[in-house]
Amino acid sequence: MNPSWLLVLDLVGIAAFASTGALVAVRQQLDIFGALVLGMVTGLGGGVLRDLLIGDVPPAALVDWRYLAVPAAMAVLAFWFHPTMGRLERQVLRLDAVGLGVFCVAGAVKAHEAGLAVLPAALLGLVTAVGGGIMRDVLADRVPAIFGGELYATPAFAGALLAAVGHHVGWDPAWYVVPAAVAIGWRLLALRLGWSAPLPPDPRS
């Protein structure tokens, strides 16, 4: 995939995730520094981890100023305008779903371009999509959302696997909208219809 496409995908995903990270900070009653930290960790954490694992060092987030400016700006906006964004809960969840779809595709493609086979590339696409959210929740002293039964990681892995396969067979970049749409659509359907991953039986029963 053309590097400019990867940059656009990365920045869109970073913006979406950074806003959700900052909103978590606001709901945890953290100050603006806390909002910046959670916003940037959510937006950049998965991508930095991916880059470290594939040996792309220093990570893109520490080389290109746009990778730092975008999540910082989104975190500040979310912090100052959180009453409005808080009322737009559904829209925020949709934005998060968009970030999930974009990141799983961008992560899988970059990992495959680094020389990984399809399955490992898909796994790194998953890491890219959920890594920042896990870091955010740990820092906010919450059980990571992906471990609480939400259908989050599964749609991300499906999109990442499809993107890795597509890159392996030489898809035109325009076709990457398909795996992104699979991940986004699956996540949005899960939210709308209340789908969830199986949980263990209640030990009290």
Foldseek 3Di string as FASTA:
>chain_A
DPVVVLVVLLLLLLLLQLLVQLLLCVVLVHDLVSLLVRSLLRSCVLQCVLCVVLVVPPGPCVVDVSSNVNSNVSSVVCNVPVVVVVVVVVVSLLSLLLSLLSQLLSQLLVSVVSPDALQVSLVSSLSRRQVSQCVSQVVSVHHRPLPPFQPQSVLSSQLNSVSSVCVVVPHDPVVSVVSSCSSSVVNSCCVVVVHTHDDDPDPVD
